[in-house]
């Protein structure tokens, strides 16, 4: 299984659960998973992280070649994902940020999305959660904790 990480997974890990300075083993383990091709990122997640100004920005830049898949490898899946969102114009697509690309990436690689979002019944495109779209498209998705339990055997 290849896990594709939503931006919120990395931000939550860096700012709340596993700050980079205090938890280098976690981040080394994540790099190990990336090198094993078990974890990947869409290019849009990389771009969202790069807009920040903390240690996560340095980490993502340092490890870009390990994790990041170029948009061209999964862009053909985007129309299917956007159709699941419903009425998506340019403004709505911008509000959605990396989310549809994360889902398109998982769709292309037969991956599992890792996100903190849980499904909810939203009708407007900009309120739909990643997990709701994954559910609709039959793409597996896990919360951060479930992901950690699933891959715990590969921890150092």
N, C-alpha and C. Protein backbone atom coordinates (compact mmCIF):
# COMPACT_ATOMS: atom_id res chain seq x y z
N UNK A 1 0.85 -1.18 0.00
CA UNK A 1 0.00 0.00 0.00
C UNK A 1 0.89 1.23 0.00
N UNK A 2 0.53 2.19 -0.82
CA UNK A 2 1.21 3.48 -0.83
C UNK A 2 0.27 4.48 -0.15
N UNK A 3 0.81 5.21 0.79
CA UNK A 3 0.04 6.21 1.52
C UNK A 3 0.39 7.59 0.98
N UNK A 4 -0.63 8.35 0.61
CA UNK A 4 -0.40 9.71 0.15
C UNK A 4 -0.90 10.66 1.24
N UNK A 5 -0.01 11.52 1.68
CA UNK A 5 -0.27 12.35 2.85
C UNK A 5 -0.94 13.66 2.47
N UNK A 6 -1.98 14.00 3.21
CA UNK A 6 -2.61 15.30 3.09
C UNK A 6 -1.72 16.31 3.84
N UNK A 7 -1.82 17.56 3.46
CA UNK A 7 -1.03 18.60 4.10
C UNK A 7 -1.23 18.62 5.60
N UNK A 8 -2.47 18.42 6.05
CA UNK A 8 -2.74 18.50 7.48
C UNK A 8 -2.00 17.43 8.29
N UNK A 9 -1.69 16.30 7.68
CA UNK A 9 -0.92 15.28 8.40
C UNK A 9 0.45 15.82 8.77
N UNK A 10 1.13 16.41 7.81
CA UNK A 10 2.48 16.92 8.05
C UNK A 10 2.47 18.12 8.99
N UNK A 11 1.53 19.01 8.82
CA UNK A 11 1.46 20.18 9.69
C UNK A 11 1.15 19.77 11.13
N UNK A 12 0.18 18.89 11.31
CA UNK A 12 -0.15 18.41 12.66
C UNK A 12 1.05 17.70 13.29
N UNK A 13 1.72 16.89 12.52
CA UNK A 13 2.89 16.17 13.04
C UNK A 13 3.97 17.15 13.48
N UNK A 14 4.27 18.12 12.63
CA UNK A 14 5.36 19.06 12.92
C UNK A 14 5.04 20.04 14.05
N UNK A 15 3.79 20.46 14.13
CA UNK A 15 3.45 21.51 15.10
C UNK A 15 2.88 20.98 16.41
N UNK A 16 2.29 19.78 16.38
CA UNK A 16 1.60 19.29 17.57
C UNK A 16 2.19 17.98 18.10
N UNK A 17 2.16 16.95 17.28
CA UNK A 17 2.47 15.60 17.76
C UNK A 17 3.95 15.26 17.80
N UNK A 18 4.70 15.66 16.77
CA UNK A 18 6.10 15.27 16.66
C UNK A 18 6.97 16.44 16.17
N UNK A 19 7.09 17.51 16.96
CA UNK A 19 7.91 18.63 16.51
C UNK A 19 9.29 18.15 16.04
N UNK A 20 9.74 18.72 14.95
CA UNK A 20 10.95 18.23 14.29
C UNK A 20 12.17 18.17 15.20
N UNK A 21 12.42 19.20 15.96
CA UNK A 21 13.61 19.22 16.82
C UNK A 21 13.55 18.16 17.93
N UNK A 22 12.36 17.96 18.48
CA UNK A 22 12.22 17.05 19.62
C UNK A 22 12.01 15.59 19.20
N UNK A 23 11.67 15.35 17.95
CA UNK A 23 11.32 13.99 17.51
C UNK A 23 12.00 13.61 16.19
N UNK A 24 13.32 13.68 16.14
CA UNK A 24 13.99 13.36 14.87
C UNK A 24 13.76 11.92 14.41
N UNK A 25 13.51 11.00 15.35
CA UNK A 25 13.28 9.61 14.96
C UNK A 25 12.01 9.45 14.14
N UNK A 26 10.96 10.20 14.50
CA UNK A 26 9.72 10.13 13.72
C UNK A 26 9.98 10.59 12.29
N UNK A 27 10.67 11.70 12.13
CA UNK A 27 10.91 12.26 10.80
C UNK A 27 11.87 11.39 9.99
N UNK A 28 12.82 10.75 10.67
CA UNK A 28 13.71 9.80 9.98
C UNK A 28 12.91 8.58 9.53
N UNK A 29 11.97 8.14 10.35
CA UNK A 29 11.11 7.01 10.00
C UNK A 29 10.25 7.36 8.79
N UNK A 30 9.72 8.57 8.76
CA UNK A 30 8.91 9.01 7.62
C UNK A 30 9.76 9.03 6.34
N UNK A 31 10.98 9.50 6.44
CA UNK A 31 11.89 9.49 5.28
C UNK A 31 12.15 8.05 4.84
N UNK A 32 12.35 7.17 5.82
CA UNK A 32 12.55 5.75 5.50
C UNK A 32 11.37 5.20 4.71
N UNK A 33 10.14 5.54 5.14
CA UNK A 33 8.94 5.10 4.43
C UNK A 33 8.91 5.68 3.02
N UNK A 34 9.34 6.93 2.89
CA UNK A 34 9.41 7.56 1.58
C UNK A 34 10.40 6.85 0.66
N UNK A 35 11.54 6.53 1.20
CA UNK A 35 12.57 5.82 0.40
C UNK A 35 12.10 4.43 0.00
N UNK A 36 11.25 3.83 0.83
CA UNK A 36 10.68 2.52 0.51
C UNK A 36 9.50 2.63 -0.45
N UNK A 37 9.15 3.84 -0.82
CA UNK A 37 8.01 4.13 -1.70
C UNK A 37 6.68 3.74 -1.06
N UNK A 38 6.63 3.79 0.27
CA UNK A 38 5.39 3.51 0.99
C UNK A 38 4.60 4.78 1.25
N UNK A 39 5.27 5.93 1.24
CA UNK A 39 4.64 7.22 1.50
C UNK A 39 5.03 8.17 0.38
N UNK A 40 4.04 8.95 -0.08
CA UNK A 40 4.30 9.92 -1.15
C UNK A 40 3.46 11.17 -0.91
N UNK A 41 3.82 12.21 -1.64
CA UNK A 41 3.10 13.48 -1.56
C UNK A 41 2.78 13.98 -2.96
N UNK A 42 1.63 14.61 -3.08
CA UNK A 42 1.34 15.30 -4.34
C UNK A 42 2.16 16.58 -4.36
N UNK A 43 2.42 17.06 -5.54
CA UNK A 43 3.18 18.30 -5.68
C UNK A 43 2.47 19.46 -5.00
N UNK A 44 1.15 19.45 -4.97
CA UNK A 44 0.40 20.54 -4.35
C UNK A 44 0.56 20.55 -2.82
N UNK A 45 0.71 19.39 -2.20
CA UNK A 45 0.99 19.36 -0.76
C UNK A 45 2.35 20.00 -0.51
N UNK A 46 3.32 19.65 -1.32
CA UNK A 46 4.65 20.26 -1.22
C UNK A 46 4.54 21.78 -1.32
N UNK A 47 3.77 22.27 -2.29
CA UNK A 47 3.63 23.72 -2.48
C UNK A 47 2.93 24.37 -1.28
N UNK A 48 1.92 23.71 -0.72
CA UNK A 48 1.25 24.27 0.45
C UNK A 48 2.21 24.37 1.64
N UNK A 49 3.00 23.33 1.85
CA UNK A 49 3.97 23.35 2.95
C UNK A 49 4.99 24.47 2.73
N UNK A 50 5.41 24.64 1.50
CA UNK A 50 6.44 25.65 1.18
C UNK A 50 5.97 27.08 1.46
N UNK A 51 4.68 27.31 1.61
CA UNK A 51 4.21 28.66 1.93
C UNK A 51 4.42 29.00 3.40
N UNK A 52 4.78 28.03 4.21
CA UNK A 52 5.00 28.26 5.63
C UNK A 52 6.35 28.89 5.91
N UNK A 53 6.66 28.99 7.19
CA UNK A 53 7.94 29.59 7.58
C UNK A 53 8.49 28.92 8.84
N UNK A 54 8.45 27.60 8.85
CA UNK A 54 8.96 26.88 10.01
C UNK A 54 9.90 25.76 9.57
N UNK A 55 10.28 24.91 10.50
CA UNK A 55 11.22 23.83 10.19
C UNK A 55 10.66 22.82 9.20
N UNK A 56 9.35 22.72 9.14
CA UNK A 56 8.73 21.79 8.19
C UNK A 56 9.07 22.19 6.75
N UNK A 57 9.16 23.47 6.49
CA UNK A 57 9.52 23.96 5.15
C UNK A 57 10.92 23.45 4.78
N UNK A 58 11.85 23.55 5.70
CA UNK A 58 13.21 23.06 5.43
C UNK A 58 13.21 21.55 5.22
N UNK A 59 12.45 20.84 6.06
CA UNK A 59 12.40 19.38 5.97
C UNK A 59 11.83 18.93 4.63
N UNK A 60 10.73 19.57 4.20
CA UNK A 60 10.08 19.15 2.95
C UNK A 60 10.98 19.45 1.76
N UNK A 61 11.70 20.55 1.82
CA UNK A 61 12.61 20.89 0.72
C UNK A 61 13.77 19.89 0.67
N UNK A 62 14.29 19.56 1.81
CA UNK A 62 15.40 18.61 1.90
C UNK A 62 15.01 17.22 1.39
N UNK A 63 13.74 16.87 1.55
CA UNK A 63 13.28 15.52 1.20
C UNK A 63 12.35 15.49 -0.01
N UNK A 64 12.31 16.55 -0.75
CA UNK A 64 11.40 16.65 -1.88
C UNK A 64 11.55 15.48 -2.86
N UNK A 65 12.76 15.16 -3.21
CA UNK A 65 13.00 14.11 -4.22
C UNK A 65 12.54 12.74 -3.73
N UNK A 66 12.46 12.55 -2.45
CA UNK A 66 12.03 11.26 -1.88
C UNK A 66 10.51 11.11 -1.96
N UNK A 67 9.78 12.18 -1.70
CA UNK A 67 8.34 12.10 -1.51
C UNK A 67 7.47 12.60 -2.66
N UNK A 68 7.87 13.66 -3.31
CA UNK A 68 6.95 14.42 -4.16
C UNK A 68 6.81 13.81 -5.55
N UNK A 69 5.56 13.58 -5.94
CA UNK A 69 5.23 13.12 -7.29
C UNK A 69 4.75 14.32 -8.09
N UNK A 70 5.28 14.50 -9.26
CA UNK A 70 4.93 15.61 -10.13
C UNK A 70 3.46 15.53 -10.54
N UNK A 71 2.83 16.68 -10.62
CA UNK A 71 1.41 16.76 -10.97
C UNK A 71 1.09 16.04 -12.28
N UNK A 72 2.00 16.07 -13.23
CA UNK A 72 1.73 15.44 -14.53
C UNK A 72 1.48 13.94 -14.42
N UNK A 73 1.95 13.32 -13.34
CA UNK A 73 1.74 11.87 -13.20
C UNK A 73 0.30 11.51 -12.80
N UNK A 74 -0.46 12.49 -12.28
CA UNK A 74 -1.82 12.17 -11.83
C UNK A 74 -2.87 13.19 -12.27
N UNK A 75 -2.50 14.17 -13.06
CA UNK A 75 -3.43 15.23 -13.46
C UNK A 75 -4.64 14.68 -14.23
N UNK A 76 -4.46 13.57 -14.92
CA UNK A 76 -5.56 13.00 -15.71
C UNK A 76 -6.69 12.45 -14.83
N UNK A 77 -6.41 12.25 -13.56
CA UNK A 77 -7.44 11.78 -12.62
C UNK A 77 -8.25 12.94 -12.04
N UNK A 78 -7.75 14.16 -12.19
CA UNK A 78 -8.38 15.32 -11.56
C UNK A 78 -9.83 15.54 -12.00
N UNK A 79 -10.18 15.42 -13.29
CA UNK A 79 -11.59 15.62 -13.67
C UNK A 79 -12.56 14.69 -12.94
N UNK A 80 -12.17 13.46 -12.75
CA UNK A 80 -13.02 12.51 -12.03
C UNK A 80 -13.21 12.96 -10.57
N UNK A 81 -12.14 13.44 -9.97
CA UNK A 81 -12.21 13.92 -8.59
C UNK A 81 -13.09 15.18 -8.50
N UNK A 82 -12.88 16.10 -9.41
CA UNK A 82 -13.67 17.33 -9.40
C UNK A 82 -15.15 17.06 -9.64
N UNK A 83 -15.44 16.06 -10.44
CA UNK A 83 -16.84 15.68 -10.66
C UNK A 83 -17.48 15.22 -9.35
N UNK A 84 -16.71 14.53 -8.52
CA UNK A 84 -17.23 14.08 -7.22
C UNK A 84 -17.48 15.26 -6.28
N UNK A 85 -16.71 16.31 -6.44
CA UNK A 85 -16.95 17.52 -5.64
C UNK A 85 -18.23 18.23 -6.06
N UNK A 86 -18.57 18.13 -7.32
CA UNK A 86 -19.76 18.83 -7.82
C UNK A 86 -19.37 20.05 -8.62
N UNK A 87 -20.06 21.12 -8.42
CA UNK A 87 -19.86 22.35 -9.19
C UNK A 87 -18.60 23.07 -8.72
N UNK A 88 -17.51 22.88 -9.46
CA UNK A 88 -16.23 23.48 -9.08
C UNK A 88 -15.79 24.46 -10.15
N UNK A 89 -15.78 25.74 -9.78
CA UNK A 89 -15.23 26.75 -10.68
C UNK A 89 -13.80 27.06 -10.22
N UNK A 90 -13.14 28.00 -10.89
CA UNK A 90 -11.75 28.32 -10.56
C UNK A 90 -11.60 28.81 -9.12
N UNK A 91 -12.53 29.64 -8.66
CA UNK A 91 -12.45 30.16 -7.30
C UNK A 91 -12.59 29.04 -6.26
N UNK A 92 -13.51 28.12 -6.51
CA UNK A 92 -13.70 26.99 -5.60
C UNK A 92 -12.48 26.08 -5.62
N UNK A 93 -11.93 25.84 -6.79
CA UNK A 93 -10.73 25.01 -6.90
C UNK A 93 -9.59 25.62 -6.09
N UNK A 94 -9.46 26.92 -6.13
CA UNK A 94 -8.41 27.58 -5.34
C UNK A 94 -8.67 27.41 -3.85
N UNK A 95 -9.93 27.52 -3.42
CA UNK A 95 -10.28 27.34 -2.00
C UNK A 95 -9.98 25.91 -1.54
N UNK A 96 -10.16 24.96 -2.44
CA UNK A 96 -9.93 23.56 -2.09
C UNK A 96 -8.44 23.26 -1.89
N UNK A 97 -7.59 24.10 -2.45
CA UNK A 97 -6.14 23.92 -2.27
C UNK A 97 -5.65 22.60 -2.84
N UNK A 98 -4.88 21.89 -2.05
CA UNK A 98 -4.27 20.64 -2.50
C UNK A 98 -5.22 19.45 -2.45
N UNK A 99 -6.35 19.60 -1.77
CA UNK A 99 -7.23 18.45 -1.53
C UNK A 99 -7.58 17.63 -2.77
N UNK A 100 -8.11 18.22 -3.84
CA UNK A 100 -8.45 17.38 -4.99
C UNK A 100 -7.23 16.70 -5.62
N UNK A 101 -6.08 17.35 -5.51
CA UNK A 101 -4.86 16.77 -6.07
C UNK A 101 -4.36 15.60 -5.23
N UNK A 102 -4.53 15.70 -3.92
CA UNK A 102 -4.19 14.58 -3.04
C UNK A 102 -5.03 13.36 -3.42
N UNK A 103 -6.31 13.59 -3.64
CA UNK A 103 -7.22 12.49 -4.00
C UNK A 103 -6.88 11.94 -5.38
N UNK A 104 -6.63 12.83 -6.34
CA UNK A 104 -6.25 12.39 -7.70
C UNK A 104 -4.96 11.59 -7.65
N UNK A 105 -4.03 12.02 -6.82
CA UNK A 105 -2.76 11.31 -6.66
C UNK A 105 -3.00 9.90 -6.14
N UNK A 106 -3.82 9.79 -5.09
CA UNK A 106 -4.13 8.46 -4.53
C UNK A 106 -4.85 7.59 -5.55
N UNK A 107 -5.74 8.19 -6.31
CA UNK A 107 -6.48 7.45 -7.34
C UNK A 107 -5.51 6.87 -8.37
N UNK A 108 -4.56 7.67 -8.80
CA UNK A 108 -3.60 7.23 -9.82
C UNK A 108 -2.68 6.12 -9.32
N UNK A 109 -2.23 6.22 -8.07
CA UNK A 109 -1.26 5.24 -7.57
C UNK A 109 -1.91 4.10 -6.78
N UNK A 110 -3.25 4.06 -6.82
CA UNK A 110 -3.99 3.07 -6.01
C UNK A 110 -3.56 3.15 -4.56
N UNK A 111 -3.49 4.37 -4.08
CA UNK A 111 -3.01 4.62 -2.73
C UNK A 111 -4.12 4.85 -1.73
N UNK A 112 -3.71 5.14 -0.54
CA UNK A 112 -4.59 5.42 0.59
C UNK A 112 -4.27 6.83 1.07
N UNK A 113 -5.28 7.66 1.19
CA UNK A 113 -5.09 9.04 1.65
C UNK A 113 -5.01 9.07 3.17
N UNK A 114 -4.05 9.82 3.68
CA UNK A 114 -3.92 10.02 5.12
C UNK A 114 -4.31 11.47 5.40
N UNK A 115 -5.38 11.63 6.18
CA UNK A 115 -5.91 12.96 6.47
C UNK A 115 -6.55 12.99 7.85
N UNK A 116 -6.62 14.15 8.45
CA UNK A 116 -7.31 14.28 9.73
C UNK A 116 -8.80 14.45 9.54
N UNK A 117 -9.21 14.75 8.32
CA UNK A 117 -10.61 15.04 8.05
C UNK A 117 -11.47 13.77 8.12
N UNK A 118 -12.65 13.93 8.68
CA UNK A 118 -13.60 12.83 8.72
C UNK A 118 -14.78 13.19 7.82
N UNK A 119 -15.43 12.20 7.23
CA UNK A 119 -16.52 12.49 6.29
C UNK A 119 -17.65 13.27 6.96
N UNK A 120 -18.27 14.15 6.18
CA UNK A 120 -19.47 14.82 6.64
C UNK A 120 -20.34 15.09 5.43
N UNK A 121 -21.60 15.28 5.69
CA UNK A 121 -22.57 15.50 4.62
C UNK A 121 -22.61 16.97 4.23
N UNK A 122 -21.74 17.37 3.35
CA UNK A 122 -21.73 18.74 2.85
C UNK A 122 -22.24 18.71 1.42
N UNK A 123 -22.93 19.76 1.04
CA UNK A 123 -23.46 19.81 -0.33
C UNK A 123 -22.66 20.72 -1.23
N UNK A 124 -22.09 21.79 -0.70
CA UNK A 124 -21.31 22.68 -1.56
C UNK A 124 -19.87 22.16 -1.66
N UNK A 125 -19.31 22.30 -2.84
CA UNK A 125 -17.99 21.73 -3.14
C UNK A 125 -16.93 22.18 -2.15
N UNK A 126 -16.91 23.46 -1.79
CA UNK A 126 -15.83 23.95 -0.93
C UNK A 126 -15.95 23.47 0.52
N UNK A 127 -17.06 22.85 0.88
CA UNK A 127 -17.22 22.30 2.22
C UNK A 127 -17.03 20.78 2.29
N UNK A 128 -16.87 20.14 1.16
CA UNK A 128 -16.70 18.69 1.17
C UNK A 128 -15.30 18.33 1.66
N UNK A 129 -15.24 17.31 2.48
CA UNK A 129 -13.99 16.87 3.06
C UNK A 129 -13.29 15.85 2.16
N UNK A 130 -11.98 15.78 2.28
CA UNK A 130 -11.18 14.82 1.51
C UNK A 130 -11.73 13.41 1.71
N UNK A 131 -12.00 13.06 2.95
CA UNK A 131 -12.48 11.71 3.25
C UNK A 131 -13.84 11.43 2.61
N UNK A 132 -14.69 12.46 2.51
CA UNK A 132 -16.00 12.27 1.86
C UNK A 132 -15.84 11.96 0.38
N UNK A 133 -14.94 12.67 -0.28
CA UNK A 133 -14.69 12.43 -1.71
C UNK A 133 -14.03 11.06 -1.89
N UNK A 134 -13.09 10.73 -1.02
CA UNK A 134 -12.46 9.40 -1.09
C UNK A 134 -13.52 8.30 -0.96
N UNK A 135 -14.41 8.48 -0.02
CA UNK A 135 -15.48 7.49 0.20
C UNK A 135 -16.33 7.34 -1.07
N UNK A 136 -16.68 8.47 -1.66
CA UNK A 136 -17.50 8.45 -2.87
C UNK A 136 -16.79 7.76 -4.03
N UNK A 137 -15.47 7.93 -4.12
CA UNK A 137 -14.69 7.34 -5.22
C UNK A 137 -14.07 5.99 -4.86
N UNK A 138 -14.43 5.46 -3.71
CA UNK A 138 -13.90 4.16 -3.24
C UNK A 138 -12.38 4.16 -3.13
N UNK A 139 -11.84 5.25 -2.63
CA UNK A 139 -10.41 5.36 -2.37
C UNK A 139 -10.23 5.19 -0.86
N UNK A 140 -9.37 4.29 -0.43
CA UNK A 140 -9.19 4.15 1.01
C UNK A 140 -8.61 5.43 1.62
N UNK A 141 -9.00 5.71 2.85
CA UNK A 141 -8.46 6.85 3.58
C UNK A 141 -8.36 6.46 5.04
N UNK A 142 -7.32 6.95 5.68
CA UNK A 142 -7.09 6.68 7.09
C UNK A 142 -6.87 8.00 7.81
N UNK A 143 -7.21 8.00 9.08
CA UNK A 143 -6.80 9.11 9.93
C UNK A 143 -5.31 8.93 10.23
N UNK A 144 -4.73 9.96 10.77
CA UNK A 144 -3.30 9.89 11.12
C UNK A 144 -3.02 8.75 12.09
N UNK A 145 -3.91 8.58 13.10
CA UNK A 145 -3.65 7.51 14.07
C UNK A 145 -3.74 6.12 13.45
N UNK A 146 -4.71 5.94 12.58
CA UNK A 146 -4.83 4.61 11.95
C UNK A 146 -3.61 4.34 11.07
N UNK A 147 -3.16 5.36 10.37
CA UNK A 147 -1.94 5.22 9.56
C UNK A 147 -0.77 4.78 10.44
N UNK A 148 -0.61 5.43 11.58
CA UNK A 148 0.50 5.10 12.48
C UNK A 148 0.39 3.65 12.96
N UNK A 149 -0.82 3.20 13.25
CA UNK A 149 -1.00 1.81 13.67
C UNK A 149 -0.71 0.84 12.52
N UNK A 150 -1.13 1.20 11.33
CA UNK A 150 -0.93 0.32 10.18
C UNK A 150 0.54 0.11 9.85
N UNK A 151 1.34 1.13 10.00
CA UNK A 151 2.74 1.04 9.60
C UNK A 151 3.71 0.94 10.78
N UNK A 152 3.18 0.72 11.97
CA UNK A 152 4.00 0.71 13.17
C UNK A 152 5.14 -0.32 13.13
N UNK A 153 4.96 -1.36 12.37
CA UNK A 153 5.98 -2.42 12.31
C UNK A 153 7.25 -1.95 11.62
N UNK A 154 7.15 -0.86 10.87
CA UNK A 154 8.33 -0.36 10.17
C UNK A 154 9.07 0.71 10.97
N UNK A 155 8.58 1.00 12.18
CA UNK A 155 9.25 2.01 13.02
C UNK A 155 10.58 1.49 13.51
N UNK A 156 11.56 2.42 13.65
CA UNK A 156 12.88 1.99 14.14
C UNK A 156 12.84 1.52 15.58
